[in-house]
Amino acid sequence: MQLIACPWCGEREEAEFHYGGQAHVAYPQDPYALDDEQWAHFVFFRDNPQGPFAERWVHSAGCRRWFNALRDTVTHEFLAVYGVGAEHPRNTSTAPVAQQRKGQEAS
């Protein structure tokens, strides 16, 4: 069982949390000006990178508060947790697989 560090409750088992999608997705300034294709793109299209990725999580079986997390999508390692209004941290994974992948990308 993986532990996730809730900013308010501390480390808890992953079963207490629910994934909420990509973090830092800006709502359109004028949603009424969007056509159907643009609106569908905003609602359904999200990034799907390998490596560190900012996500929203809710501690549904605990304090029920939302927070953001920076998680490595390859290793599933949580690199940082931070409040919804906080800025995205620029961490990188310390996991061997991620370090190896970085070396390959630089070549």
PDB file of N, CA and C in Angstrom:
ATOM      1  N   MET A   1       0.851  -1.181   0.000  1.00  0.00           N
ATOM      2  CA  MET A   1       0.000   0.000   0.000  1.00  0.00           C
ATOM      3  C   MET A   1       0.895   1.242   0.000  1.00  0.00           C
ATOM      4  N   GLN A   2       0.613   2.163  -0.884  1.00  0.00           N
ATOM      5  CA  GLN A   2       1.378   3.401  -0.974  1.00  0.00           C
ATOM      6  C   GLN A   2       0.828   4.410   0.027  1.00  0.00           C
ATOM      7  N   LEU A   3       1.709   5.193   0.611  1.00  0.00           N
ATOM      8  CA  LEU A   3       1.294   6.264   1.512  1.00  0.00           C
ATOM      9  C   LEU A   3       1.331   7.588   0.759  1.00  0.00           C
ATOM     10  N   ILE A   4       0.298   8.398   0.981  1.00  0.00           N
ATOM     11  CA  ILE A   4       0.220   9.736   0.403  1.00  0.00           C
ATOM     12  C   ILE A   4       0.180  10.714   1.563  1.00  0.00           C
ATOM     13  N   ALA A   5       0.979  11.759   1.474  1.00  0.00           N
ATOM     14  CA  ALA A   5       1.049  12.749   2.553  1.00  0.00           C
ATOM     15  C   ALA A   5       0.014  13.842   2.326  1.00  0.00           C
ATOM     16  N   CYS A   6      -1.079  13.787   3.088  1.00  0.00           N
ATOM     17  CA  CYS A   6      -2.074  14.857   3.054  1.00  0.00           C
ATOM     18  C   CYS A   6      -1.449  16.069   3.755  1.00  0.00           C
ATOM     19  N   PRO A   7      -1.554  17.277   3.172  1.00  0.00           N
ATOM     20  CA  PRO A   7      -0.970  18.460   3.805  1.00  0.00           C
ATOM     21  C   PRO A   7      -1.564  18.769   5.178  1.00  0.00           C
ATOM     22  N   TRP A   8      -2.768  18.276   5.462  1.00  0.00           N
ATOM     23  CA  TRP A   8      -3.420  18.579   6.725  1.00  0.00           C
ATOM     24  C   TRP A   8      -3.435  17.404   7.699  1.00  0.00           C
ATOM     25  N   CYS A   9      -3.463  16.181   7.213  1.00  0.00           N
ATOM     26  CA  CYS A   9      -3.600  14.993   8.071  1.00  0.00           C
ATOM     27  C   CYS A   9      -2.328  14.167   8.187  1.00  0.00           C
ATOM     28  N   GLY A  10      -1.350  14.428   7.347  1.00  0.00           N
ATOM     29  CA  GLY A  10      -0.128  13.627   7.344  1.00  0.00           C
ATOM     30  C   GLY A  10      -0.270  12.423   6.427  1.00  0.00           C
ATOM     31  N   GLU A  11       0.656  11.480   6.571  1.00  0.00           N
ATOM     32  CA  GLU A  11       0.659  10.312   5.688  1.00  0.00           C
ATOM     33  C   GLU A  11      -0.506   9.381   5.996  1.00  0.00           C
ATOM     34  N   ARG A  12      -1.193   8.973   4.920  1.00  0.00           N
ATOM     35  CA  ARG A  12      -2.315   8.043   5.024  1.00  0.00           C
ATOM     36  C   ARG A  12      -2.231   7.071   3.855  1.00  0.00           C
ATOM     37  N   GLU A  13      -2.950   5.958   3.952  1.00  0.00           N
ATOM     38  CA  GLU A  13      -2.969   4.962   2.884  1.00  0.00           C
ATOM     39  C   GLU A  13      -3.676   5.525   1.645  1.00  0.00           C
ATOM     40  N   GLU A  14      -3.214   5.096   0.487  1.00  0.00           N
ATOM     41  CA  GLU A  14      -3.748   5.608  -0.778  1.00  0.00           C
ATOM     42  C   GLU A  14      -5.245   5.363  -0.944  1.00  0.00           C
ATOM     43  N   ALA A  15      -5.801   4.364  -0.273  1.00  0.00           N
ATOM     44  CA  ALA A  15      -7.229   4.062  -0.397  1.00  0.00           C
ATOM     45  C   ALA A  15      -8.104   5.200   0.139  1.00  0.00           C
ATOM     46  N   GLU A  16      -7.544   6.091   0.925  1.00  0.00           N
ATOM     47  CA  GLU A  16      -8.298   7.220   1.482  1.00  0.00           C
ATOM     48  C   GLU A  16      -8.413   8.391   0.507  1.00  0.00           C
ATOM     49  N   PHE A  17      -7.726   8.320  -0.630  1.00  0.00           N
ATOM     50  CA  PHE A  17      -7.651   9.441  -1.559  1.00  0.00           C
ATOM     51  C   PHE A  17      -8.304   9.112  -2.895  1.00  0.00           C
ATOM     52  N   HIS A  18      -8.707  10.157  -3.600  1.00  0.00           N
ATOM     53  CA  HIS A  18      -9.208  10.013  -4.961  1.00  0.00           C
ATOM     54  C   HIS A  18      -8.499  11.022  -5.862  1.00  0.00           C
ATOM     55  N   TYR A  19      -8.180  10.554  -7.041  1.00  0.00           N
ATOM     56  CA  TYR A  19      -7.516  11.362  -8.062  1.00  0.00           C
ATOM     57  C   TYR A  19      -8.509  12.352  -8.646  1.00  0.00           C
ATOM     58  N   GLY A  20      -8.068  13.585  -8.874  1.00  0.00           N
ATOM     59  CA  GLY A  20      -8.954  14.609  -9.398  1.00  0.00           C
ATOM     60  C   GLY A  20      -8.543  15.193 -10.732  1.00  0.00           C
ATOM     61  N   GLY A  21      -7.569  14.583 -11.395  1.00  0.00           N
ATOM     62  CA  GLY A  21      -7.173  15.068 -12.710  1.00  0.00           C
ATOM     63  C   GLY A  21      -5.965  15.977 -12.664  1.00  0.00           C
ATOM     64  N   GLN A  22      -5.665  16.545 -13.806  1.00  0.00           N
ATOM     65  CA  GLN A  22      -4.502  17.415 -13.970  1.00  0.00           C
ATOM     66  C   GLN A  22      -4.697  18.712 -13.185  1.00  0.00           C
ATOM     67  N   ALA A  23      -3.653  19.139 -12.510  1.00  0.00           N
ATOM     68  CA  ALA A  23      -3.689  20.411 -11.771  1.00  0.00           C
ATOM     69  C   ALA A  23      -3.319  21.562 -12.687  1.00  0.00           C
ATOM     70  N   HIS A  24      -3.643  22.757 -12.259  1.00  0.00           N
ATOM     71  CA  HIS A  24      -3.255  23.996 -12.936  1.00  0.00           C
ATOM     72  C   HIS A  24      -3.863  24.131 -14.332  1.00  0.00           C
ATOM     73  N   VAL A  25      -5.080  23.661 -14.521  1.00  0.00           N
ATOM     74  CA  VAL A  25      -5.784  23.840 -15.794  1.00  0.00           C
ATOM     75  C   VAL A  25      -6.643  25.098 -15.649  1.00  0.00           C
ATOM     76  N   ALA A  26      -6.316  26.110 -16.408  1.00  0.00           N
ATOM     77  CA  ALA A  26      -7.014  27.392 -16.301  1.00  0.00           C
ATOM     78  C   ALA A  26      -8.389  27.324 -16.961  1.00  0.00           C
ATOM     79  N   TYR A  27      -9.401  27.812 -16.257  1.00  0.00           N
ATOM     80  CA  TYR A  27     -10.746  27.902 -16.812  1.00  0.00           C
ATOM     81  C   TYR A  27     -10.742  28.982 -17.895  1.00  0.00           C
ATOM     82  N   PRO A  28     -11.448  28.773 -18.996  1.00  0.00           N
ATOM     83  CA  PRO A  28     -11.459  29.782 -20.068  1.00  0.00           C
ATOM     84  C   PRO A  28     -11.969  31.134 -19.559  1.00  0.00           C
ATOM     85  N   GLN A  29     -11.329  32.208 -19.990  1.00  0.00           N
ATOM     86  CA  GLN A  29     -11.735  33.544 -19.552  1.00  0.00           C
ATOM     87  C   GLN A  29     -13.150  33.883 -20.009  1.00  0.00           C
ATOM     88  N   ASP A  30     -13.502  33.476 -21.228  1.00  0.00           N
ATOM     89  CA  ASP A  30     -14.844  33.724 -21.747  1.00  0.00           C
ATOM     90  C   ASP A  30     -15.399  32.406 -22.295  1.00  0.00           C
ATOM     91  N   PRO A  31     -15.959  31.555 -21.427  1.00  0.00           N
ATOM     92  CA  PRO A  31     -16.421  30.240 -21.889  1.00  0.00           C
ATOM     93  C   PRO A  31     -17.532  30.311 -22.931  1.00  0.00           C
ATOM     94  N   TYR A  32     -18.300  31.395 -22.943  1.00  0.00           N
ATOM     95  CA  TYR A  32     -19.381  31.518 -23.924  1.00  0.00           C
ATOM     96  C   TYR A  32     -18.865  31.798 -25.326  1.00  0.00           C
ATOM     97  N   ALA A  33     -17.625  32.226 -25.429  1.00  0.00           N
ATOM     98  CA  ALA A  33     -17.041  32.505 -26.740  1.00  0.00           C
ATOM     99  C   ALA A  33     -16.465  31.239 -27.397  1.00  0.00           C
ATOM    100  N   LEU A  34     -16.376  30.139 -26.648  1.00  0.00           N
ATOM    101  CA  LEU A  34     -15.808  28.901 -27.196  1.00  0.00           C
ATOM    102  C   LEU A  34     -16.826  28.173 -28.059  1.00  0.00           C
ATOM    103  N   ASP A  35     -16.346  27.630 -29.174  1.00  0.00           N
ATOM    104  CA  ASP A  35     -17.232  26.774 -29.963  1.00  0.00           C
ATOM    105  C   ASP A  35     -17.191  25.364 -29.362  1.00  0.00           C
ATOM    106  N   ASP A  36     -17.966  24.447 -29.901  1.00  0.00           N
ATOM    107  CA  ASP A  36     -18.063  23.104 -29.333  1.00  0.00           C
ATOM    108  C   ASP A  36     -16.714  22.376 -29.311  1.00  0.00           C
ATOM    109  N   GLU A  37     -15.939  22.531 -30.367  1.00  0.00           N
ATOM    110  CA  GLU A  37     -14.653  21.849 -30.428  1.00  0.00           C
ATOM    111  C   GLU A  37     -13.691  22.391 -29.366  1.00  0.00           C
ATOM    112  N   GLN A  38     -13.647  23.702 -29.204  1.00  0.00           N
ATOM    113  CA  GLN A  38     -12.779  24.304 -28.189  1.00  0.00           C
ATOM    114  C   GLN A  38     -13.223  23.899 -26.776  1.00  0.00           C
ATOM    115  N   TRP A  39     -14.531  23.879 -26.542  1.00  0.00           N
ATOM    116  CA  TRP A  39     -15.057  23.490 -25.230  1.00  0.00           C
ATOM    117  C   TRP A  39     -14.737  22.022 -24.941  1.00  0.00           C
ATOM    118  N   ALA A  40     -14.897  21.157 -25.919  1.00  0.00           N
ATOM    119  CA  ALA A  40     -14.571  19.737 -25.747  1.00  0.00           C
ATOM    120  C   ALA A  40     -13.089  19.563 -25.449  1.00  0.00           C
ATOM    121  N   HIS A  41     -12.251  20.352 -26.114  1.00  0.00           N
ATOM    122  CA  HIS A  41     -10.815  20.274 -25.860  1.00  0.00           C
ATOM    123  C   HIS A  41     -10.508  20.664 -24.408  1.00  0.00           C
ATOM    124  N   PHE A  42     -11.150  21.715 -23.903  1.00  0.00           N
ATOM    125  CA  PHE A  42     -10.937  22.135 -22.514  1.00  0.00           C
ATOM    126  C   PHE A  42     -11.406  21.055 -21.532  1.00  0.00           C
ATOM    127  N   VAL A  43     -12.551  20.464 -21.780  1.00  0.00           N
ATOM    128  CA  VAL A  43     -13.132  19.497 -20.843  1.00  0.00           C
ATOM    129  C   VAL A  43     -12.416  18.152 -20.866  1.00  0.00           C
ATOM    130  N   PHE A  44     -12.078  17.633 -22.039  1.00  0.00           N
ATOM    131  CA  PHE A  44     -11.620  16.251 -22.154  1.00  0.00           C
ATOM    132  C   PHE A  44     -10.125  16.041 -22.405  1.00  0.00           C
ATOM    133  N   PHE A  45      -9.435  16.997 -22.958  1.00  0.00           N
ATOM    134  CA  PHE A  45      -8.037  16.791 -23.325  1.00  0.00           C
ATOM    135  C   PHE A  45      -7.118  17.226 -22.190  1.00  0.00           C
ATOM    136  N   ARG A  46      -6.266  16.305 -21.748  1.00  0.00           N
ATOM    137  CA  ARG A  46      -5.302  16.586 -20.695  1.00  0.00           C
ATOM    138  C   ARG A  46      -3.945  16.024 -21.087  1.00  0.00           C
ATOM    139  N   ASP A  47      -2.906  16.550 -20.470  1.00  0.00           N
ATOM    140  CA  ASP A  47      -1.560  16.053 -20.715  1.00  0.00           C
ATOM    141  C   ASP A  47      -1.439  14.648 -20.151  1.00  0.00           C
ATOM    142  N   ASN A  48      -0.522  13.862 -20.704  1.00  0.00           N
ATOM    143  CA  ASN A  48      -0.276  12.500 -20.230  1.00  0.00           C
ATOM    144  C   ASN A  48       1.219  12.205 -20.356  1.00  0.00           C
ATOM    145  N   PRO A  49       2.050  12.936 -19.583  1.00  0.00           N
ATOM    146  CA  PRO A  49       3.495  12.799 -19.745  1.00  0.00           C
ATOM    147  C   PRO A  49       4.072  11.612 -18.991  1.00  0.00           C
ATOM    148  N   GLN A  50       5.267  11.244 -19.354  1.00  0.00           N
ATOM    149  CA  GLN A  50       6.052  10.313 -18.559  1.00  0.00           C
ATOM    150  C   GLN A  50       6.938  11.164 -17.671  1.00  0.00           C
ATOM    151  N   GLY A  51       6.888  10.937 -16.377  1.00  0.00           N
ATOM    152  CA  GLY A  51       7.710  11.705 -15.448  1.00  0.00           C
ATOM    153  C   GLY A  51       6.867  12.572 -14.543  1.00  0.00           C
ATOM    154  N   PRO A  52       7.468  13.607 -13.954  1.00  0.00           N
ATOM    155  CA  PRO A  52       6.747  14.460 -13.013  1.00  0.00           C
ATOM    156  C   PRO A  52       5.524  15.119 -13.644  1.00  0.00           C
ATOM    157  N   PHE A  53       4.409  15.080 -12.914  1.00  0.00           N
ATOM    158  CA  PHE A  53       3.129  15.583 -13.417  1.00  0.00           C
ATOM    159  C   PHE A  53       2.332  16.153 -12.255  1.00  0.00           C
ATOM    160  N   ALA A  54       1.830  17.366 -12.412  1.00  0.00           N
ATOM    161  CA  ALA A  54       1.033  18.016 -11.370  1.00  0.00           C
ATOM    162  C   ALA A  54      -0.412  17.516 -11.442  1.00  0.00           C
ATOM    163  N   GLU A  55      -0.913  17.018 -10.307  1.00  0.00           N
ATOM    164  CA  GLU A  55      -2.253  16.422 -10.243  1.00  0.00           C
ATOM    165  C   GLU A  55      -3.034  16.999  -9.066  1.00  0.00           C
ATOM    166  N   ARG A  56      -4.364  16.869  -9.153  1.00  0.00           N
ATOM    167  CA  ARG A  56      -5.231  17.243  -8.039  1.00  0.00           C
ATOM    168  C   ARG A  56      -5.654  15.960  -7.326  1.00  0.00           C
ATOM    169  N   TRP A  57      -5.695  16.003  -6.008  1.00  0.00           N
ATOM    170  CA  TRP A  57      -6.117  14.872  -5.196  1.00  0.00           C
ATOM    171  C   TRP A  57      -7.040  15.380  -4.097  1.00  0.00           C
ATOM    172  N   VAL A  58      -7.942  14.516  -3.635  1.00  0.00           N
ATOM    173  CA  VAL A  58      -8.810  14.850  -2.506  1.00  0.00           C
ATOM    174  C   VAL A  58      -8.672  13.748  -1.459  1.00  0.00           C
ATOM    175  N   HIS A  59      -8.585  14.151  -0.211  1.00  0.00           N
ATOM    176  CA  HIS A  59      -8.520  13.187   0.899  1.00  0.00           C
ATOM    177  C   HIS A  59      -9.959  12.843   1.282  1.00  0.00           C
ATOM    178  N   SER A  60     -10.575  12.011   0.485  1.00  0.00           N
ATOM    179  CA  SER A  60     -12.013  11.742   0.590  1.00  0.00           C
ATOM    180  C   SER A  60     -12.411  10.990   1.850  1.00  0.00           C
ATOM    181  N   ALA A  61     -11.537  10.172   2.416  1.00  0.00           N
ATOM    182  CA  ALA A  61     -11.872   9.417   3.629  1.00  0.00           C
ATOM    183  C   ALA A  61     -11.281  10.070   4.876  1.00  0.00           C
ATOM    184  N   GLY A  62     -10.795  11.283   4.722  1.00  0.00           N
ATOM    185  CA  GLY A  62     -10.185  11.987   5.844  1.00  0.00           C
ATOM    186  C   GLY A  62     -10.779  13.374   5.975  1.00  0.00           C
ATOM    187  N   CYS A  63      -9.954  14.379   5.772  1.00  0.00           N
ATOM    188  CA  CYS A  63     -10.375  15.775   5.954  1.00  0.00           C
ATOM    189  C   CYS A  63     -11.234  16.300   4.811  1.00  0.00           C
ATOM    190  N   ARG A  64     -11.307  15.559   3.692  1.00  0.00           N
ATOM    191  CA  ARG A  64     -12.103  15.922   2.511  1.00  0.00           C
ATOM    192  C   ARG A  64     -11.621  17.208   1.836  1.00  0.00           C
ATOM    193  N   ARG A  65     -10.373  17.519   1.988  1.00  0.00           N
ATOM    194  CA  ARG A  65      -9.827  18.722   1.371  1.00  0.00           C
ATOM    195  C   ARG A  65      -9.038  18.359   0.126  1.00  0.00           C
ATOM    196  N   TRP A  66      -9.070  19.281  -0.842  1.00  0.00           N
ATOM    197  CA  TRP A  66      -8.341  19.119  -2.086  1.00  0.00           C
ATOM    198  C   TRP A  66      -6.935  19.660  -1.930  1.00  0.00           C
ATOM    199  N   PHE A  67      -5.994  19.051  -2.628  1.00  0.00           N
ATOM    200  CA  PHE A  67      -4.621  19.533  -2.676  1.00  0.00           C
ATOM    201  C   PHE A  67      -4.003  19.111  -3.997  1.00  0.00           C
ATOM    202  N   ASN A  68      -2.869  19.675  -4.315  1.00  0.00           N
ATOM    203  CA  ASN A  68      -2.129  19.315  -5.514  1.00  0.00           C
ATOM    204  C   ASN A  68      -0.939  18.455  -5.126  1.00  0.00           C
ATOM    205  N   ALA A  69      -0.540  17.610  -6.038  1.00  0.00           N
ATOM    206  CA  ALA A  69       0.637  16.761  -5.826  1.00  0.00           C
ATOM    207  C   ALA A  69       1.443  16.701  -7.105  1.00  0.00           C
ATOM    208  N   LEU A  70       2.734  16.655  -6.953  1.00  0.00           N
ATOM    209  CA  LEU A  70       3.630  16.421  -8.078  1.00  0.00           C
ATOM    210  C   LEU A  70       4.036  14.963  -7.980  1.00  0.00           C
ATOM    211  N   ARG A  71       3.607  14.158  -8.979  1.00  0.00           N
ATOM    212  CA  ARG A  71       3.825  12.708  -8.939  1.00  0.00           C
ATOM    213  C   ARG A  71       4.530  12.261 -10.206  1.00  0.00           C
ATOM    214  N   ASP A  72       5.477  11.362 -10.043  1.00  0.00           N
ATOM    215  CA  ASP A  72       6.172  10.781 -11.191  1.00  0.00           C
ATOM    216  C   ASP A  72       5.274   9.685 -11.759  1.00  0.00           C
ATOM    217  N   THR A  73       4.830   9.822 -12.996  1.00  0.00           N
ATOM    218  CA  THR A  73       3.885   8.868 -13.576  1.00  0.00           C
ATOM    219  C   THR A  73       4.537   7.547 -13.970  1.00  0.00           C
ATOM    220  N   VAL A  74       5.860   7.487 -13.964  1.00  0.00           N
ATOM    221  CA  VAL A  74       6.559   6.245 -14.280  1.00  0.00           C
ATOM    222  C   VAL A  74       6.738   5.401 -13.023  1.00  0.00           C
ATOM    223  N   THR A  75       7.196   6.041 -11.945  1.00  0.00           N
ATOM    224  CA  THR A  75       7.492   5.320 -10.699  1.00  0.00           C
ATOM    225  C   THR A  75       6.359   5.409  -9.686  1.00  0.00           C
ATOM    226  N   HIS A  76       5.380   6.283  -9.909  1.00  0.00           N
ATOM    227  CA  HIS A  76       4.258   6.557  -8.996  1.00  0.00           C
ATOM    228  C   HIS A  76       4.715   7.211  -7.696  1.00  0.00           C
ATOM    229  N   GLU A  77       5.933   7.702  -7.661  1.00  0.00           N
ATOM    230  CA  GLU A  77       6.485   8.374  -6.489  1.00  0.00           C
ATOM    231  C   GLU A  77       5.874   9.768  -6.363  1.00  0.00           C
ATOM    232  N   PHE A  78       5.407  10.114  -5.159  1.00  0.00           N
ATOM    233  CA  PHE A  78       4.922  11.464  -4.892  1.00  0.00           C
ATOM    234  C   PHE A  78       6.134  12.321  -4.552  1.00  0.00           C
ATOM    235  N   LEU A  79       6.403  13.324  -5.369  1.00  0.00           N
ATOM    236  CA  LEU A  79       7.586  14.166  -5.202  1.00  0.00           C
ATOM    237  C   LEU A  79       7.317  15.349  -4.292  1.00  0.00           C
ATOM    238  N   ALA A  80       6.070  15.847  -4.296  1.00  0.00           N
ATOM    239  CA  ALA A  80       5.697  16.990  -3.465  1.00  0.00           C
ATOM    240  C   ALA A  80       4.179  17.053  -3.363  1.00  0.00           C
ATOM    241  N   VAL A  81       3.696  17.559  -2.249  1.00  0.00           N
ATOM    242  CA  VAL A  81       2.276  17.886  -2.101  1.00  0.00           C
ATOM    243  C   VAL A  81       2.211  19.351  -1.688  1.00  0.00           C
ATOM    244  N   TYR A  82       1.206  20.064  -2.200  1.00  0.00           N
ATOM    245  CA  TYR A  82       1.108  21.489  -1.931  1.00  0.00           C
ATOM    246  C   TYR A  82      -0.339  21.935  -2.082  1.00  0.00           C
ATOM    247  N   GLY A  83      -0.669  23.075  -1.519  1.00  0.00           N
ATOM    248  CA  GLY A  83      -2.025  23.602  -1.547  1.00  0.00           C
ATOM    249  C   GLY A  83      -2.495  23.944  -2.944  1.00  0.00           C
ATOM    250  N   VAL A  84      -3.796  24.010  -3.119  1.00  0.00           N
ATOM    251  CA  VAL A  84      -4.390  24.271  -4.428  1.00  0.00           C
ATOM    252  C   VAL A  84      -3.963  25.628  -4.973  1.00  0.00           C
ATOM    253  N   GLY A  85      -3.829  26.629  -4.143  1.00  0.00           N
ATOM    254  CA  GLY A  85      -3.447  27.956  -4.619  1.00  0.00           C
ATOM    255  C   GLY A  85      -1.954  28.166  -4.762  1.00  0.00           C
ATOM    256  N   ALA A  86      -1.163  27.194  -4.323  1.00  0.00           N
ATOM    257  CA  ALA A  86       0.300  27.342  -4.369  1.00  0.00           C
ATOM    258  C   ALA A  86       0.833  27.112  -5.774  1.00  0.00           C
ATOM    259  N   GLU A  87       2.024  27.623  -6.013  1.00  0.00           N
ATOM    260  CA  GLU A  87       2.659  27.467  -7.315  1.00  0.00           C
ATOM    261  C   GLU A  87       3.241  26.060  -7.471  1.00  0.00           C
ATOM    262  N   HIS A  88       3.299  25.616  -8.693  1.00  0.00           N
ATOM    263  CA  HIS A  88       3.812  24.292  -9.061  1.00  0.00           C
ATOM    264  C   HIS A  88       5.293  24.188  -8.697  1.00  0.00           C
ATOM    265  N   PRO A  89       5.707  23.243  -7.817  1.00  0.00           N
ATOM    266  CA  PRO A  89       7.128  23.084  -7.512  1.00  0.00           C
ATOM    267  C   PRO A  89       7.870  22.460  -8.688  1.00  0.00           C
ATOM    268  N   ARG A  90       9.136  22.757  -8.830  1.00  0.00           N
ATOM    269  CA  ARG A  90       9.936  22.246  -9.945  1.00  0.00           C
ATOM    270  C   ARG A  90      10.847  21.121  -9.480  1.00  0.00           C
ATOM    271  N   ASN A  91      10.262  20.070  -8.914  1.00  0.00           N
ATOM    272  CA  ASN A  91      11.034  18.907  -8.460  1.00  0.00           C
ATOM    273  C   ASN A  91      11.219  17.912  -9.583  1.00  0.00           C
ATOM    274  N   THR A  92      12.222  17.087  -9.445  1.00  0.00           N
ATOM    275  CA  THR A  92      12.409  15.957 -10.345  1.00  0.00           C
ATOM    276  C   THR A  92      12.548  14.710  -9.500  1.00  0.00           C
ATOM    277  N   SER A  93      12.279  13.593 -10.069  1.00  0.00           N
ATOM    278  CA  SER A  93      12.316  12.334  -9.354  1.00  0.00           C
ATOM    279  C   SER A  93      13.741  11.929  -9.011  1.00  0.00           C
ATOM    280  N   THR A  94      13.889  11.282  -7.857  1.00  0.00           N
ATOM    281  CA  THR A  94      15.180  10.730  -7.461  1.00  0.00           C
ATOM    282  C   THR A  94      15.220   9.232  -7.724  1.00  0.00           C
ATOM    283  N   ALA A  95      14.171   8.692  -8.296  1.00  0.00           N
ATOM    284  CA  ALA A  95      14.087   7.255  -8.552  1.00  0.00           C
ATOM    285  C   ALA A  95      15.060   6.857  -9.658  1.00  0.00           C
ATOM    286  N   PRO A  96      15.688   5.674  -9.551  1.00  0.00           N
ATOM    287  CA  PRO A  96      16.664   5.241 -10.561  1.00  0.00           C
ATOM    288  C   PRO A  96      16.099   5.177 -11.976  1.00  0.00           C
ATOM    289  N   VAL A  97      14.861   4.738 -12.147  1.00  0.00           N
ATOM    290  CA  VAL A  97      14.268   4.626 -13.479  1.00  0.00           C
ATOM    291  C   VAL A  97      14.157   6.008 -14.120  1.00  0.00           C
ATOM    292  N   ALA A  98      13.720   6.976 -13.356  1.00  0.00           N
ATOM    293  CA  ALA A  98      13.572   8.324 -13.893  1.00  0.00           C
ATOM    294  C   ALA A  98      14.928   8.925 -14.229  1.00  0.00           C
ATOM    295  N   GLN A  99      15.938   8.687 -13.390  1.00  0.00           N
ATOM    296  CA  GLN A  99      17.273   9.204 -13.666  1.00  0.00           C
ATOM    297  C   GLN A  99      17.846   8.582 -14.940  1.00  0.00           C
ATOM    298  N   GLN A 100      17.620   7.291 -15.126  1.00  0.00           N
ATOM    299  CA  GLN A 100      18.095   6.596 -16.320  1.00  0.00           C
ATOM    300  C   GLN A 100      17.416   7.168 -17.559  1.00  0.00           C
ATOM    301  N   ARG A 101      16.106   7.420 -17.479  1.00  0.00           N
ATOM    302  CA  ARG A 101      15.350   7.966 -18.600  1.00  0.00           C
ATOM    303  C   ARG A 101      15.873   9.357 -18.959  1.00  0.00           C
ATOM    304  N   LYS A 102      16.207  10.169 -17.963  1.00  0.00           N
ATOM    305  CA  LYS A 102      16.735  11.505 -18.223  1.00  0.00           C
ATOM    306  C   LYS A 102      18.044  11.427 -18.994  1.00  0.00           C
ATOM    307  N   GLY A 103      18.897  10.485 -18.624  1.00  0.00           N
ATOM    308  CA  GLY A 103      20.169  10.312 -19.309  1.00  0.00           C
ATOM    309  C   GLY A 103      19.980   9.938 -20.770  1.00  0.00           C
ATOM    310  N   GLN A 104      18.952   9.137 -21.060  1.00  0.00           N
ATOM    311  CA  GLN A 104      18.680   8.725 -22.436  1.00  0.00           C
ATOM    312  C   GLN A 104      18.155   9.887 -23.259  1.00  0.00           C
ATOM    313  N   GLU A 105      17.330  10.755 -22.635  1.00  0.00           N
ATOM    314  CA  GLU A 105      16.771  11.893 -23.352  1.00  0.00           C
ATOM    315  C   GLU A 105      17.857  12.892 -23.691  1.00  0.00           C
ATOM    316  N   ALA A 106      18.875  13.025 -22.853  1.00  0.00           N
ATOM    317  CA  ALA A 106      19.946  13.996 -23.086  1.00  0.00           C
ATOM    318  C   ALA A 106      20.853  13.566 -24.239  1.00  0.00           C
ATOM    319  N   SER A 107      20.889  12.253 -24.520  1.00  0.00           N
ATOM    320  CA  SER A 107      21.766  11.733 -25.589  1.00  0.00           C
ATOM    321  C   SER A 107      21.248  12.060 -26.960  1.00  0.00           C
TER     322      SER A 107
END
